[in-house]
Amino acid sequence: FRASINHGVVIHYDYTKEFEPAHFPHRWLRERLAEYQKIRDCFAGDFYELNPPSPEESGWGILQYDLPEEQRGVITVFRGENCPEVERLIRPRGIHAECNYLVSDADDSFEPFQISGSEWMHNGFRLRLEQPRTARLIHYRQQR
């Protein structure tokens, strides 16, 4: 789901098979759509390809969507199915060196933390995804 979201999302049942709404993951879909609604405006902001997605799914795809006027954004992170690396350094672009940022994960895979823009741009932070075919939504917001 996270790999397919952008300005718009289309959801449909597979009408070519016997339609069994009792087996459709409605709760899961409601959770994903709520997640999407929190970030959909970010797709209209600035876009940075921090690590291009790998067509053969042997690497990481890291894409940043930044809303400079709102001082926040989201970084989508994907670990490919055939990717041997479990950890990746994330360095955003378009942020301000003199500001601090609160960084969190939609899945709560790490504790939210504050980092200076300068440190984040220069040193980055390491994100660990133990399982291939895993995605994360990393939220960040400039702190006052």
N, C-alpha and C. Protein backbone atom coordinates (compact mmCIF):
# COMPACT_ATOMS: atom_id res chain seq x y z
N PHE A 1 0.82 -1.19 0.00
CA PHE A 1 0.00 0.00 0.00
C PHE A 1 0.87 1.26 0.00
N ARG A 2 1.88 1.28 0.85
CA ARG A 2 2.72 2.47 0.96
C ARG A 2 3.50 2.74 -0.32
N ALA A 3 3.80 1.72 -1.07
CA ALA A 3 4.54 1.91 -2.32
C ALA A 3 3.65 2.49 -3.42
N SER A 4 2.35 2.45 -3.24
CA SER A 4 1.45 2.92 -4.29
C SER A 4 0.80 4.25 -3.98
N ILE A 5 0.99 4.80 -2.79
CA ILE A 5 0.32 6.05 -2.47
C ILE A 5 1.01 7.24 -3.12
N ASN A 6 0.22 8.20 -3.49
CA ASN A 6 0.68 9.48 -4.03
C ASN A 6 -0.48 10.46 -3.87
N HIS A 7 -0.64 11.41 -4.77
CA HIS A 7 -1.72 12.39 -4.63
C HIS A 7 -3.10 11.74 -4.58
N GLY A 8 -3.23 10.60 -5.16
CA GLY A 8 -4.52 9.91 -5.16
C GLY A 8 -4.34 8.43 -4.90
N VAL A 9 -5.38 7.84 -4.37
CA VAL A 9 -5.37 6.40 -4.10
C VAL A 9 -6.68 5.83 -4.61
N VAL A 10 -6.60 4.72 -5.30
CA VAL A 10 -7.80 4.05 -5.79
C VAL A 10 -7.89 2.69 -5.09
N ILE A 11 -9.03 2.43 -4.49
CA ILE A 11 -9.27 1.17 -3.80
C ILE A 11 -10.45 0.48 -4.49
N HIS A 12 -10.29 -0.79 -4.79
CA HIS A 12 -11.41 -1.52 -5.38
C HIS A 12 -11.32 -3.00 -5.01
N TYR A 13 -12.44 -3.63 -5.04
CA TYR A 13 -12.50 -5.07 -4.85
C TYR A 13 -12.22 -5.74 -6.18
N ASP A 14 -11.76 -6.96 -6.14
CA ASP A 14 -11.53 -7.71 -7.37
C ASP A 14 -12.85 -8.37 -7.77
N TYR A 15 -13.54 -7.72 -8.69
CA TYR A 15 -14.85 -8.22 -9.10
C TYR A 15 -14.76 -9.39 -10.07
N THR A 16 -13.54 -9.76 -10.49
CA THR A 16 -13.40 -10.89 -11.38
C THR A 16 -13.48 -12.22 -10.63
N LYS A 17 -13.39 -12.15 -9.30
CA LYS A 17 -13.49 -13.35 -8.47
C LYS A 17 -14.77 -13.27 -7.67
N GLU A 18 -15.08 -14.33 -7.01
CA GLU A 18 -16.27 -14.32 -6.16
C GLU A 18 -16.07 -13.28 -5.07
N PHE A 19 -16.99 -12.37 -4.95
CA PHE A 19 -16.89 -11.26 -4.01
C PHE A 19 -17.27 -11.73 -2.61
N GLU A 20 -16.30 -11.68 -1.70
CA GLU A 20 -16.53 -12.10 -0.32
C GLU A 20 -16.09 -10.98 0.61
N PRO A 21 -16.97 -10.01 0.89
CA PRO A 21 -16.56 -8.88 1.72
C PRO A 21 -16.13 -9.29 3.13
N ALA A 22 -16.57 -10.42 3.61
CA ALA A 22 -16.17 -10.84 4.96
C ALA A 22 -14.68 -11.14 5.03
N HIS A 23 -14.05 -11.45 3.90
CA HIS A 23 -12.63 -11.78 3.88
C HIS A 23 -11.74 -10.59 3.52
N PHE A 24 -12.36 -9.48 3.17
CA PHE A 24 -11.58 -8.31 2.81
C PHE A 24 -11.05 -7.65 4.09
N PRO A 25 -9.80 -7.20 4.10
CA PRO A 25 -9.20 -6.62 5.32
C PRO A 25 -9.63 -5.16 5.55
N HIS A 26 -10.89 -4.97 5.89
CA HIS A 26 -11.43 -3.62 6.06
C HIS A 26 -10.70 -2.83 7.14
N ARG A 27 -10.44 -3.44 8.25
CA ARG A 27 -9.76 -2.73 9.34
C ARG A 27 -8.37 -2.27 8.92
N TRP A 28 -7.62 -3.17 8.29
CA TRP A 28 -6.29 -2.84 7.79
C TRP A 28 -6.38 -1.68 6.80
N LEU A 29 -7.35 -1.72 5.90
CA LEU A 29 -7.50 -0.67 4.91
C LEU A 29 -7.86 0.67 5.56
N ARG A 30 -8.73 0.66 6.56
CA ARG A 30 -9.07 1.90 7.27
C ARG A 30 -7.81 2.49 7.92
N GLU A 31 -6.97 1.65 8.50
CA GLU A 31 -5.73 2.13 9.11
C GLU A 31 -4.79 2.74 8.07
N ARG A 32 -4.65 2.09 6.92
CA ARG A 32 -3.79 2.60 5.86
C ARG A 32 -4.33 3.92 5.30
N LEU A 33 -5.63 4.01 5.13
CA LEU A 33 -6.21 5.24 4.61
C LEU A 33 -6.06 6.40 5.59
N ALA A 34 -6.18 6.13 6.88
CA ALA A 34 -5.95 7.16 7.90
C ALA A 34 -4.49 7.63 7.84
N GLU A 35 -3.59 6.69 7.66
CA GLU A 35 -2.17 6.99 7.53
C GLU A 35 -1.94 7.88 6.30
N TYR A 36 -2.58 7.52 5.21
CA TYR A 36 -2.47 8.27 3.97
C TYR A 36 -3.02 9.69 4.12
N GLN A 37 -4.14 9.84 4.78
CA GLN A 37 -4.74 11.17 4.95
C GLN A 37 -3.83 12.12 5.72
N LYS A 38 -3.00 11.58 6.59
CA LYS A 38 -2.06 12.42 7.35
C LYS A 38 -0.94 12.98 6.48
N ILE A 39 -0.63 12.31 5.37
CA ILE A 39 0.53 12.72 4.57
C ILE A 39 0.19 13.14 3.14
N ARG A 40 -1.04 13.00 2.71
CA ARG A 40 -1.33 13.23 1.29
C ARG A 40 -0.96 14.62 0.82
N ASP A 41 -1.08 15.65 1.67
CA ASP A 41 -0.71 16.99 1.24
C ASP A 41 0.79 17.11 0.99
N CYS A 42 1.58 16.25 1.58
CA CYS A 42 3.04 16.29 1.37
C CYS A 42 3.41 16.00 -0.08
N PHE A 43 2.57 15.28 -0.80
CA PHE A 43 2.87 14.94 -2.19
C PHE A 43 2.81 16.16 -3.11
N ALA A 44 2.24 17.27 -2.61
CA ALA A 44 2.18 18.50 -3.40
C ALA A 44 3.39 19.40 -3.11
N GLY A 45 4.26 18.97 -2.20
CA GLY A 45 5.42 19.78 -1.82
C GLY A 45 6.64 19.45 -2.65
N ASP A 46 7.79 19.74 -2.08
CA ASP A 46 9.07 19.47 -2.75
C ASP A 46 9.37 17.97 -2.66
N PHE A 47 10.00 17.46 -3.72
CA PHE A 47 10.30 16.03 -3.80
C PHE A 47 11.81 15.84 -3.92
N TYR A 48 12.33 14.92 -3.11
CA TYR A 48 13.75 14.58 -3.17
C TYR A 48 13.89 13.07 -3.22
N GLU A 49 14.65 12.59 -4.18
CA GLU A 49 14.95 11.16 -4.29
C GLU A 49 16.24 10.92 -3.50
N LEU A 50 16.11 10.50 -2.25
CA LEU A 50 17.28 10.31 -1.40
C LEU A 50 18.03 9.03 -1.77
N ASN A 51 17.32 8.04 -2.23
CA ASN A 51 17.89 6.79 -2.72
C ASN A 51 16.85 6.21 -3.67
N PRO A 52 17.10 6.25 -4.98
CA PRO A 52 16.07 5.81 -5.92
C PRO A 52 15.66 4.36 -5.68
N PRO A 53 14.37 4.06 -5.85
CA PRO A 53 13.92 2.67 -5.73
C PRO A 53 14.64 1.79 -6.74
N SER A 54 14.92 0.58 -6.35
CA SER A 54 15.62 -0.38 -7.19
C SER A 54 14.61 -1.19 -8.00
N PRO A 55 14.72 -1.19 -9.34
CA PRO A 55 13.73 -1.92 -10.15
C PRO A 55 13.71 -3.43 -9.88
N GLU A 56 14.84 -4.00 -9.52
CA GLU A 56 14.88 -5.44 -9.26
C GLU A 56 14.70 -5.75 -7.77
N GLU A 57 14.32 -4.73 -7.00
CA GLU A 57 14.06 -4.87 -5.56
C GLU A 57 15.26 -5.41 -4.79
N SER A 58 16.47 -5.00 -5.23
CA SER A 58 17.67 -5.46 -4.56
C SER A 58 18.26 -4.40 -3.63
N GLY A 59 17.57 -3.28 -3.48
CA GLY A 59 18.10 -2.20 -2.66
C GLY A 59 17.03 -1.52 -1.85
N TRP A 60 17.32 -0.29 -1.49
CA TRP A 60 16.41 0.55 -0.71
C TRP A 60 15.87 1.66 -1.60
N GLY A 61 14.65 2.05 -1.37
CA GLY A 61 14.06 3.22 -2.01
C GLY A 61 13.71 4.21 -0.90
N ILE A 62 14.27 5.41 -0.98
CA ILE A 62 14.02 6.41 0.05
C ILE A 62 13.63 7.71 -0.65
N LEU A 63 12.40 8.14 -0.43
CA LEU A 63 11.85 9.31 -1.10
C LEU A 63 11.36 10.30 -0.05
N GLN A 64 11.65 11.57 -0.26
CA GLN A 64 11.27 12.61 0.70
C GLN A 64 10.27 13.56 0.04
N TYR A 65 9.21 13.87 0.78
CA TYR A 65 8.18 14.82 0.35
C TYR A 65 8.13 15.90 1.42
N ASP A 66 8.53 17.12 1.07
CA ASP A 66 8.72 18.19 2.04
C ASP A 66 7.74 19.33 1.79
N LEU A 67 7.13 19.82 2.85
CA LEU A 67 6.26 21.00 2.79
C LEU A 67 6.98 22.15 3.51
N PRO A 68 7.83 22.89 2.81
CA PRO A 68 8.61 23.93 3.48
C PRO A 68 7.74 25.00 4.13
N GLU A 69 6.60 25.32 3.52
CA GLU A 69 5.74 26.35 4.10
C GLU A 69 5.08 25.89 5.41
N GLU A 70 4.99 24.59 5.62
CA GLU A 70 4.44 24.06 6.87
C GLU A 70 5.53 23.50 7.79
N GLN A 71 6.76 23.54 7.32
CA GLN A 71 7.93 23.11 8.09
C GLN A 71 7.80 21.65 8.55
N ARG A 72 7.35 20.81 7.65
CA ARG A 72 7.21 19.39 7.94
C ARG A 72 7.27 18.59 6.65
N GLY A 73 7.35 17.28 6.81
CA GLY A 73 7.35 16.42 5.64
C GLY A 73 7.32 14.96 6.05
N VAL A 74 7.45 14.11 5.04
CA VAL A 74 7.47 12.67 5.26
C VAL A 74 8.53 12.06 4.35
N ILE A 75 9.17 11.02 4.87
CA ILE A 75 10.14 10.26 4.08
C ILE A 75 9.61 8.84 4.00
N THR A 76 9.41 8.36 2.77
CA THR A 76 8.96 6.98 2.58
C THR A 76 10.20 6.12 2.36
N VAL A 77 10.25 5.02 3.08
CA VAL A 77 11.42 4.14 3.04
C VAL A 77 10.95 2.74 2.69
N PHE A 78 11.59 2.13 1.70
CA PHE A 78 11.25 0.78 1.26
C PHE A 78 12.51 -0.07 1.20
N ARG A 79 12.46 -1.23 1.80
CA ARG A 79 13.55 -2.20 1.66
C ARG A 79 13.08 -3.26 0.68
N GLY A 80 13.83 -3.45 -0.40
CA GLY A 80 13.43 -4.37 -1.45
C GLY A 80 13.44 -5.83 -1.01
N GLU A 81 12.72 -6.63 -1.75
CA GLU A 81 12.57 -8.06 -1.44
C GLU A 81 13.90 -8.80 -1.47
N ASN A 82 14.80 -8.41 -2.36
CA ASN A 82 16.09 -9.09 -2.50
C ASN A 82 17.24 -8.29 -1.91
N CYS A 83 16.94 -7.35 -1.04
CA CYS A 83 17.96 -6.47 -0.47
C CYS A 83 18.63 -7.13 0.73
N PRO A 84 19.96 -7.30 0.71
CA PRO A 84 20.65 -7.92 1.83
C PRO A 84 20.93 -6.96 3.00
N GLU A 85 20.92 -5.66 2.75
CA GLU A 85 21.22 -4.67 3.80
C GLU A 85 20.03 -4.51 4.75
N VAL A 86 20.29 -4.53 6.04
CA VAL A 86 19.21 -4.35 7.02
C VAL A 86 19.18 -2.93 7.58
N GLU A 87 20.16 -2.11 7.23
CA GLU A 87 20.23 -0.77 7.79
C GLU A 87 20.62 0.22 6.70
N ARG A 88 20.09 1.42 6.84
CA ARG A 88 20.40 2.45 5.84
C ARG A 88 20.48 3.81 6.52
N LEU A 89 21.40 4.63 6.06
CA LEU A 89 21.57 5.99 6.56
C LEU A 89 20.59 6.90 5.83
N ILE A 90 19.86 7.72 6.58
CA ILE A 90 18.89 8.64 5.98
C ILE A 90 19.36 10.06 6.24
N ARG A 91 19.59 10.79 5.13
CA ARG A 91 19.98 12.20 5.19
C ARG A 91 18.98 12.99 4.34
N PRO A 92 18.17 13.82 4.98
CA PRO A 92 17.16 14.57 4.21
C PRO A 92 17.78 15.76 3.47
N ARG A 93 16.98 16.34 2.61
CA ARG A 93 17.36 17.55 1.91
C ARG A 93 16.27 18.59 2.16
N GLY A 94 16.57 19.83 1.88
CA GLY A 94 15.58 20.88 1.99
C GLY A 94 15.24 21.31 3.41
N ILE A 95 16.00 20.85 4.38
CA ILE A 95 15.72 21.27 5.76
C ILE A 95 16.73 22.36 6.15
N HIS A 96 16.49 23.02 7.27
CA HIS A 96 17.33 24.13 7.69
C HIS A 96 18.34 23.68 8.75
N ALA A 97 19.61 23.98 8.51
CA ALA A 97 20.68 23.57 9.42
C ALA A 97 20.51 24.15 10.82
N GLU A 98 19.98 25.37 10.91
CA GLU A 98 19.88 26.05 12.20
C GLU A 98 18.64 25.66 13.01
N CYS A 99 17.79 24.81 12.47
CA CYS A 99 16.55 24.41 13.16
C CYS A 99 16.67 23.00 13.74
N ASN A 100 15.81 22.71 14.68
CA ASN A 100 15.68 21.35 15.23
C ASN A 100 14.44 20.70 14.65
N TYR A 101 14.49 19.37 14.55
CA TYR A 101 13.38 18.61 13.97
C TYR A 101 12.99 17.46 14.88
N LEU A 102 11.70 17.26 15.00
CA LEU A 102 11.18 16.10 15.70
C LEU A 102 10.92 15.03 14.65
N VAL A 103 11.52 13.86 14.83
CA VAL A 103 11.44 12.76 13.85
C VAL A 103 10.71 11.59 14.50
N SER A 104 9.73 11.03 13.79
CA SER A 104 8.98 9.90 14.32
C SER A 104 8.64 8.93 13.19
N ASP A 105 8.19 7.76 13.57
CA ASP A 105 7.85 6.70 12.63
C ASP A 105 6.38 6.35 12.78
N ALA A 106 5.67 6.25 11.68
CA ALA A 106 4.25 5.90 11.73
C ALA A 106 4.01 4.55 12.40
N ASP A 107 4.99 3.65 12.36
CA ASP A 107 4.85 2.33 12.97
C ASP A 107 5.44 2.24 14.37
N ASP A 108 5.95 3.35 14.88
CA ASP A 108 6.58 3.37 16.20
C ASP A 108 7.71 2.35 16.33
N SER A 109 8.48 2.17 15.25
CA SER A 109 9.60 1.23 15.30
C SER A 109 10.79 1.82 16.05
N PHE A 110 10.75 3.12 16.32
CA PHE A 110 11.75 3.76 17.16
C PHE A 110 11.07 4.87 17.93
N GLU A 111 11.71 5.26 19.02
CA GLU A 111 11.19 6.36 19.83
C GLU A 111 11.37 7.67 19.06
N PRO A 112 10.36 8.55 19.06
CA PRO A 112 10.56 9.85 18.42
C PRO A 112 11.77 10.55 19.04
N PHE A 113 12.51 11.28 18.23
CA PHE A 113 13.70 11.97 18.72
C PHE A 113 13.81 13.33 18.07
N GLN A 114 14.57 14.21 18.71
CA GLN A 114 14.83 15.53 18.18
C GLN A 114 16.27 15.56 17.68
N ILE A 115 16.47 16.21 16.54
CA ILE A 115 17.80 16.30 15.94
C ILE A 115 17.94 17.66 15.27
N SER A 116 19.14 18.21 15.31
CA SER A 116 19.35 19.49 14.64
C SER A 116 19.41 19.24 13.13
N GLY A 117 18.98 20.23 12.38
CA GLY A 117 19.02 20.12 10.92
C GLY A 117 20.43 19.89 10.43
N SER A 118 21.40 20.57 11.04
CA SER A 118 22.79 20.42 10.65
C SER A 118 23.28 18.98 10.86
N GLU A 119 23.00 18.44 12.04
CA GLU A 119 23.43 17.07 12.32
C GLU A 119 22.74 16.07 11.40
N TRP A 120 21.45 16.27 11.18
CA TRP A 120 20.70 15.33 10.34
C TRP A 120 21.21 15.35 8.91
N MET A 121 21.47 16.55 8.37
CA MET A 121 21.96 16.64 6.99
C MET A 121 23.35 16.06 6.84
N HIS A 122 24.22 16.28 7.84
CA HIS A 122 25.61 15.84 7.73
C HIS A 122 25.81 14.39 8.15
N ASN A 123 25.25 14.02 9.30
CA ASN A 123 25.47 12.67 9.84
C ASN A 123 24.33 11.72 9.56
N GLY A 124 23.15 12.23 9.30
CA GLY A 124 21.99 11.39 9.06
C GLY A 124 21.59 10.61 10.30
N PHE A 125 20.66 9.71 10.12
CA PHE A 125 20.34 8.74 11.18
C PHE A 125 20.12 7.39 10.52
N ARG A 126 20.44 6.36 11.26
CA ARG A 126 20.36 5.00 10.72
C ARG A 126 18.98 4.41 11.01
N LEU A 127 18.38 3.88 9.97
CA LEU A 127 17.10 3.18 10.10
C LEU A 127 17.34 1.71 9.81
N ARG A 128 16.82 0.88 10.67
CA ARG A 128 17.00 -0.56 10.55
C ARG A 128 15.66 -1.20 10.21
N LEU A 129 15.64 -1.99 9.14
CA LEU A 129 14.47 -2.77 8.75
C LEU A 129 14.90 -4.22 8.66
N GLU A 130 14.51 -5.00 9.63
CA GLU A 130 14.96 -6.39 9.73
C GLU A 130 14.47 -7.26 8.58
N GLN A 131 13.26 -7.01 8.10
CA GLN A 131 12.66 -7.86 7.09
C GLN A 131 12.66 -7.21 5.71
N PRO A 132 13.00 -7.97 4.67
CA PRO A 132 12.82 -7.46 3.30
C PRO A 132 11.34 -7.19 3.04
N ARG A 133 11.06 -6.42 2.01
CA ARG A 133 9.70 -6.02 1.65
C ARG A 133 9.01 -5.30 2.82
N THR A 134 9.76 -4.39 3.43
CA THR A 134 9.25 -3.61 4.54
C THR A 134 9.25 -2.14 4.14
N ALA A 135 8.26 -1.41 4.62
CA ALA A 135 8.17 0.02 4.33
C ALA A 135 7.95 0.79 5.64
N ARG A 136 8.45 2.01 5.67
CA ARG A 136 8.24 2.90 6.81
C ARG A 136 7.86 4.28 6.31
N LEU A 137 7.10 4.98 7.12
CA LEU A 137 6.79 6.39 6.88
C LEU A 137 7.42 7.17 8.02
N ILE A 138 8.43 7.95 7.70
CA ILE A 138 9.15 8.73 8.70
C ILE A 138 8.62 10.17 8.61
N HIS A 139 8.00 10.63 9.69
CA HIS A 139 7.47 11.99 9.76
C HIS A 139 8.52 12.89 10.42
N TYR A 140 8.58 14.13 9.95
CA TYR A 140 9.44 15.10 10.62
C TYR A 140 8.74 16.45 10.63
N ARG A 141 9.03 17.20 11.67
CA ARG A 141 8.44 18.53 11.84
C ARG A 141 9.46 19.43 12.50
N GLN A 142 9.59 20.63 11.94
CA GLN A 142 10.51 21.60 12.51
C GLN A 142 9.98 22.04 13.87
N GLN A 143 10.88 22.13 14.85
CA GLN A 143 10.52 22.56 16.19
C GLN A 143 10.82 24.04 16.36
N ARG A 144 10.03 24.70 17.12
CA ARG A 144 10.22 26.15 17.32
C ARG A 144 11.08 26.40 18.53
